[in-house]
């Protein structure tokens, strides 16, 4: 029988998607946002924040692999990584899969997201929470970046909500200025920039802002089914040139040394390289 209960995403006022709900697992109003986790009929367990899909068990691997493996392998020798947001733990898990990683600091402002993800979506992070290389901080990412030492990290990964509500401060001049300061000389930052078919202004404005503090700014794409509207873009900003144009053979070698080659379901060396080749309608939004 068709489901009588549906969860409707509210990201866009005039277009959206809905999920048939098998059962609601959690509904919490935290100090920052409304959090809902439910069992869907099609995508496994799903987390919504303020009515917007953040992650589903069925397709989380696409986004998580691309936001984590691409920057680490583009850098080639990243040992210290800062993750802002990503309270479900999936990015942390992928970062920790790299053999050469020495330290991963994850700063998530909403401890309820971590608690609920650990309870109801434990497979997404796996054992990452207990890895001795991981430092989990429930706190303000802006404040952490402001007070972190110079050149403290090789890579920064910003896995935030869109630039509204709790995520808005992660798209400011102050945040990017401090991000550039705390990155090492070959450092780079990636951040989600939305689905440009529907959110071109997000990519355009974020790219222009990052270009004030990083000399090399671009983006790459990933096709995540539940981020509806076509390609999701991930902003890429680096202190040195060429990190977005490493040949597939070299990326393959780096992935083999890191221990992730053959472990992924979306990322490959060829997809890594090709993801930087943007359709013109997306490239037009870059600074």
Protein backbone atom coordinates (compact mmCIF):
# COMPACT_ATOMS: atom_id res chain seq x y z
CA UNK A 1 0.00 0.00 0.00
CA UNK A 2 1.23 3.54 -0.68
CA UNK A 3 2.59 5.44 2.27
CA UNK A 4 0.18 7.73 4.08
CA UNK A 5 2.99 9.77 5.64
CA UNK A 6 5.36 11.87 3.56
CA UNK A 7 8.26 14.13 4.45
CA UNK A 8 8.44 17.13 2.17
CA UNK A 9 11.71 19.00 1.75
CA UNK A 10 11.29 22.77 2.06
CA UNK A 11 14.53 24.06 0.53
CA UNK A 12 12.79 25.76 -2.40
CA UNK A 13 9.43 27.50 -2.28
CA UNK A 14 8.28 26.40 -5.73
CA UNK A 15 9.91 22.98 -6.24
CA UNK A 16 10.89 20.06 -4.07
CA UNK A 17 11.04 16.38 -3.30
CA UNK A 18 9.26 14.14 -0.83
CA UNK A 19 10.01 10.85 0.89
CA UNK A 20 7.61 8.12 1.91
CA UNK A 21 8.13 7.77 5.66
CA UNK A 22 8.17 4.28 7.11
CA UNK A 23 8.63 5.59 10.65
CA UNK A 24 9.89 8.71 12.35
CA UNK A 25 12.92 8.00 14.53
CA UNK A 26 13.68 11.39 16.07
CA UNK A 27 12.39 14.95 16.01
CA UNK A 28 14.33 17.46 18.09
CA UNK A 29 14.35 21.23 18.26
CA UNK A 30 17.94 21.98 19.25
CA UNK A 31 19.31 25.37 20.24
CA UNK A 32 20.11 25.95 16.57
CA UNK A 33 17.69 24.09 14.29
CA UNK A 34 14.92 21.56 13.83
CA UNK A 35 16.37 18.05 13.40
CA UNK A 36 14.36 15.17 11.99
CA UNK A 37 15.53 11.61 11.30
CA UNK A 38 13.23 9.08 9.72
CA UNK A 39 13.27 5.71 8.01
CA UNK A 40 12.33 6.18 4.36
CA UNK A 41 10.92 3.63 1.96
CA UNK A 42 13.55 4.37 -0.68
CA UNK A 43 16.73 5.90 0.78
CA UNK A 44 17.21 4.24 4.15
CA UNK A 45 17.47 6.66 7.04
CA UNK A 46 17.30 10.37 6.25
CA UNK A 47 18.29 13.45 8.25
CA UNK A 48 16.61 16.80 7.69
CA UNK A 49 17.78 20.07 9.24
CA UNK A 50 15.13 22.79 9.19
CA UNK A 51 13.27 20.79 6.58
CA UNK A 52 16.24 20.41 4.22
CA UNK A 53 17.80 17.04 3.36
CA UNK A 54 21.31 16.77 4.78
CA UNK A 55 22.11 13.11 4.31
CA UNK A 56 20.55 9.80 3.38
CA UNK A 57 22.00 6.36 3.97
CA UNK A 58 21.50 5.45 0.31
CA UNK A 59 23.59 8.15 -1.37
CA UNK A 60 25.75 9.70 1.37
CA UNK A 61 28.84 8.06 -0.11
CA UNK A 62 28.79 10.36 -3.14
CA UNK A 63 29.03 13.64 -1.28
CA UNK A 64 31.22 12.36 1.54
CA UNK A 65 33.82 10.81 -0.76
CA UNK A 66 34.04 13.87 -2.97
CA UNK A 67 34.25 16.48 -0.22
CA UNK A 68 36.90 14.46 1.67
CA UNK A 69 39.06 12.52 -0.79
CA UNK A 70 39.35 15.23 -3.46
CA UNK A 71 41.04 17.89 -1.28
CA UNK A 72 43.30 15.43 0.55
CA UNK A 73 44.51 13.81 -2.66
CA UNK A 74 44.77 17.14 -4.48
CA UNK A 75 47.10 18.30 -1.72
CA UNK A 76 49.02 15.04 -1.79
CA UNK A 77 50.62 15.22 1.64
CA UNK A 78 47.93 16.45 4.03
CA UNK A 79 48.60 15.49 7.63
CA UNK A 80 46.37 17.91 9.54
CA UNK A 81 42.75 18.46 8.52
CA UNK A 82 40.09 20.73 9.97
CA UNK A 83 36.44 19.81 9.38
CA UNK A 84 33.76 22.42 10.04
CA UNK A 85 30.27 20.96 10.46
CA UNK A 86 29.72 17.41 9.17
CA UNK A 87 28.11 16.34 12.45
CA UNK A 88 27.00 12.99 11.03
CA UNK A 89 30.67 11.88 11.02
CA UNK A 90 30.82 10.72 7.42
CA UNK A 91 33.46 13.23 6.34
CA UNK A 92 35.52 12.43 9.43
CA UNK A 93 35.38 8.73 8.57
CA UNK A 94 36.66 9.34 5.00
CA UNK A 95 39.42 11.67 6.14
CA UNK A 96 40.62 9.16 8.72
CA UNK A 97 40.81 6.49 6.01
CA UNK A 98 43.98 8.22 4.71
CA UNK A 99 47.06 6.51 6.13
CA UNK A 100 49.18 9.64 6.24
CA UNK A 101 46.73 11.63 8.33
CA UNK A 102 48.06 12.64 11.72
CA UNK A 103 45.20 14.72 13.12
CA UNK A 104 41.62 15.56 12.21
CA UNK A 105 39.80 18.26 14.15
CA UNK A 106 36.04 18.35 13.67
CA UNK A 107 34.09 21.37 14.94
CA UNK A 108 30.30 20.99 14.90
CA UNK A 109 28.19 23.71 16.45
CA UNK A 110 25.17 21.51 17.21
CA UNK A 111 25.90 18.64 19.57
CA UNK A 112 22.41 17.27 18.98
CA UNK A 113 23.32 16.49 15.36
CA UNK A 114 26.23 14.38 16.57
CA UNK A 115 24.17 12.66 19.26
CA UNK A 116 21.29 11.78 16.93
CA UNK A 117 23.57 10.66 14.10
CA UNK A 118 25.47 8.36 16.46
CA UNK A 119 22.23 6.89 17.77
CA UNK A 120 20.17 6.55 14.61
CA UNK A 121 22.69 6.58 11.72
CA UNK A 122 25.76 4.87 13.23
CA UNK A 123 27.01 3.27 10.01
CA UNK A 124 27.76 6.65 8.45
CA UNK A 125 30.66 7.42 10.80
CA UNK A 126 31.51 3.86 11.79
CA UNK A 127 34.40 3.85 14.27
CA UNK A 128 35.56 7.37 13.40
CA UNK A 129 34.34 8.85 16.69
CA UNK A 130 36.80 6.68 18.63
CA UNK A 131 39.86 7.13 16.41
CA UNK A 132 42.75 8.55 18.49
CA UNK A 133 43.66 10.92 15.64
CA UNK A 134 40.23 12.59 15.84
CA UNK A 135 39.48 15.61 18.02
CA UNK A 136 35.72 16.23 18.20
CA UNK A 137 34.71 19.69 19.35
CA UNK A 138 31.13 20.81 19.91
CA UNK A 139 31.48 24.51 19.33
CA UNK A 140 31.51 27.44 16.95
CA UNK A 141 33.64 26.86 13.85
CA UNK A 142 34.02 30.60 13.31
CA UNK A 143 35.43 31.04 16.78
CA UNK A 144 37.74 28.05 16.39
CA UNK A 145 39.17 29.33 13.11
CA UNK A 146 39.60 32.82 14.57
CA UNK A 147 41.78 31.52 17.41
CA UNK A 148 43.66 28.67 15.70
CA UNK A 149 47.42 29.17 15.18
CA UNK A 150 48.88 30.22 11.84
CA UNK A 151 49.56 27.37 9.38
CA UNK A 152 47.93 24.83 11.72
CA UNK A 153 46.19 22.81 8.98
CA UNK A 154 46.88 21.54 5.48
CA UNK A 155 43.24 21.18 4.44
CA UNK A 156 39.98 22.73 5.65
CA UNK A 157 36.70 21.03 4.74
CA UNK A 158 33.53 23.05 5.32
CA UNK A 159 30.46 20.80 5.28
CA UNK A 160 27.82 23.30 6.27
CA UNK A 161 24.19 24.01 5.62
CA UNK A 162 23.38 26.66 3.02
CA UNK A 163 24.24 30.31 3.86
CA UNK A 164 21.04 30.84 5.81
CA UNK A 165 20.44 30.38 9.52
CA UNK A 166 23.18 28.60 11.46
CA UNK A 167 25.42 28.19 8.40
CA UNK A 168 25.43 31.82 7.29
CA UNK A 169 28.56 32.88 9.20
CA UNK A 170 30.65 30.26 7.35
CA UNK A 171 30.34 32.30 4.15
CA UNK A 172 31.84 35.58 5.37
CA UNK A 173 35.03 37.53 4.67
CA UNK A 174 36.17 37.05 8.24
CA UNK A 175 35.88 33.27 8.01
CA UNK A 176 37.83 33.02 4.75
CA UNK A 177 40.51 35.45 5.95
CA UNK A 178 41.18 33.33 9.03
CA UNK A 179 40.96 30.14 6.97
CA UNK A 180 43.75 31.38 4.71
CA UNK A 181 45.82 32.35 7.76
CA UNK A 182 45.59 28.98 9.50
CA UNK A 183 46.36 26.97 6.36
CA UNK A 184 49.91 25.83 5.63
CA UNK A 185 51.73 27.28 2.57
CA UNK A 186 50.29 24.63 0.21
CA UNK A 187 46.95 24.59 1.99
CA UNK A 188 43.50 24.51 0.46
CA UNK A 189 39.88 24.78 1.51
CA UNK A 190 36.75 23.16 0.08
CA UNK A 191 33.16 24.00 0.93
CA UNK A 192 29.75 23.04 -0.37
CA UNK A 193 28.34 25.70 -2.69
CA UNK A 194 24.89 24.34 -3.41
CA UNK A 195 23.22 23.17 -6.61
CA UNK A 196 23.95 25.92 -9.15
CA UNK A 197 20.96 25.16 -11.37
CA UNK A 198 18.86 26.47 -8.48
CA UNK A 199 21.45 28.31 -6.34
CA UNK A 200 23.87 29.98 -8.77
CA UNK A 201 24.15 33.04 -6.54
CA UNK A 202 25.58 30.89 -3.76
CA UNK A 203 28.45 29.70 -5.96
CA UNK A 204 28.95 33.15 -7.50
CA UNK A 205 29.06 35.06 -4.22
CA UNK A 206 31.11 32.48 -2.35
CA UNK A 207 33.68 32.27 -5.16
CA UNK A 208 34.07 36.04 -5.27
CA UNK A 209 34.51 36.13 -1.51
CA UNK A 210 37.11 33.34 -1.45
CA UNK A 211 39.04 35.04 -4.25
CA UNK A 212 39.81 37.94 -1.89
CA UNK A 213 41.93 35.64 0.26
CA UNK A 214 43.05 32.80 -2.01
CA UNK A 215 44.86 33.31 -5.33
CA UNK A 216 43.49 30.14 -6.94
CA UNK A 217 39.73 29.66 -6.82
CA UNK A 218 37.57 27.13 -8.61
CA UNK A 219 34.96 24.44 -8.07
CA UNK A 220 34.22 20.82 -8.83
CA UNK A 221 31.02 18.84 -9.10
CA UNK A 222 29.35 15.72 -7.72
CA UNK A 223 26.04 14.16 -8.69
CA UNK A 224 24.20 13.49 -5.43
CA UNK A 225 20.67 12.19 -6.15
CA UNK A 226 18.97 13.72 -3.12
CA UNK A 227 20.52 17.16 -3.67
CA UNK A 228 17.99 17.75 -6.41
CA UNK A 229 18.55 20.03 -9.38
CA UNK A 230 21.62 18.58 -11.08
CA UNK A 231 25.24 18.80 -10.01
CA UNK A 232 26.18 19.84 -6.49
CA UNK A 233 29.21 22.15 -6.54
CA UNK A 234 32.07 22.10 -4.08
CA UNK A 235 34.14 25.26 -3.89
CA UNK A 236 37.90 24.81 -4.08
CA UNK A 237 40.38 27.51 -3.08
CA UNK A 238 44.14 27.04 -2.80
CA UNK A 239 47.26 28.99 -1.94
CA UNK A 240 49.32 27.48 -4.79
CA UNK A 241 48.43 26.73 -8.42
CA UNK A 242 47.78 23.36 -9.97
CA UNK A 243 46.16 21.48 -7.10
CA UNK A 244 42.96 21.22 -9.12
CA UNK A 245 44.77 19.85 -12.18
CA UNK A 246 46.76 16.85 -10.96
CA UNK A 247 46.87 14.08 -13.57
CA UNK A 248 44.78 10.95 -12.93
CA UNK A 249 47.88 8.73 -12.81
CA UNK A 250 49.36 10.80 -9.99
CA UNK A 251 46.03 10.90 -8.15
CA UNK A 252 45.88 7.11 -8.47
CA UNK A 253 49.36 6.77 -6.98
CA UNK A 254 48.48 9.08 -4.10
CA UNK A 255 45.25 7.16 -3.44
CA UNK A 256 47.15 3.86 -3.40
CA UNK A 257 49.66 5.24 -0.90
CA UNK A 258 46.81 6.63 1.20
CA UNK A 259 45.11 3.24 1.25
CA UNK A 260 41.79 4.31 -0.27
CA UNK A 261 42.17 3.07 -3.84
CA UNK A 262 39.46 0.49 -4.51
CA UNK A 263 37.51 1.33 -1.35
CA UNK A 264 35.15 3.94 -2.84
CA UNK A 265 31.76 3.76 -4.53
CA UNK A 266 31.78 7.09 -6.40
CA UNK A 267 35.26 8.61 -6.30
CA UNK A 268 37.88 7.38 -8.78
CA UNK A 269 41.06 9.09 -10.02
CA UNK A 270 39.31 9.83 -13.33
CA UNK A 271 36.19 11.20 -11.67
CA UNK A 272 38.42 13.27 -9.38
CA UNK A 273 40.10 14.93 -12.36
CA UNK A 274 36.99 15.22 -14.50
CA UNK A 275 34.96 16.81 -11.71
CA UNK A 276 36.91 20.04 -12.24
CA UNK A 277 35.71 20.23 -15.87
CA UNK A 278 32.61 22.34 -15.34
CA UNK A 279 29.61 22.73 -17.62
CA UNK A 280 29.52 26.31 -18.92
CA UNK A 281 26.39 27.19 -16.97
CA UNK A 282 28.26 26.38 -13.75
CA UNK A 283 31.61 27.89 -14.80
CA UNK A 284 29.81 31.16 -15.52
CA UNK A 285 29.11 31.54 -11.80
CA UNK A 286 32.77 31.47 -10.79
CA UNK A 287 34.58 34.68 -9.93
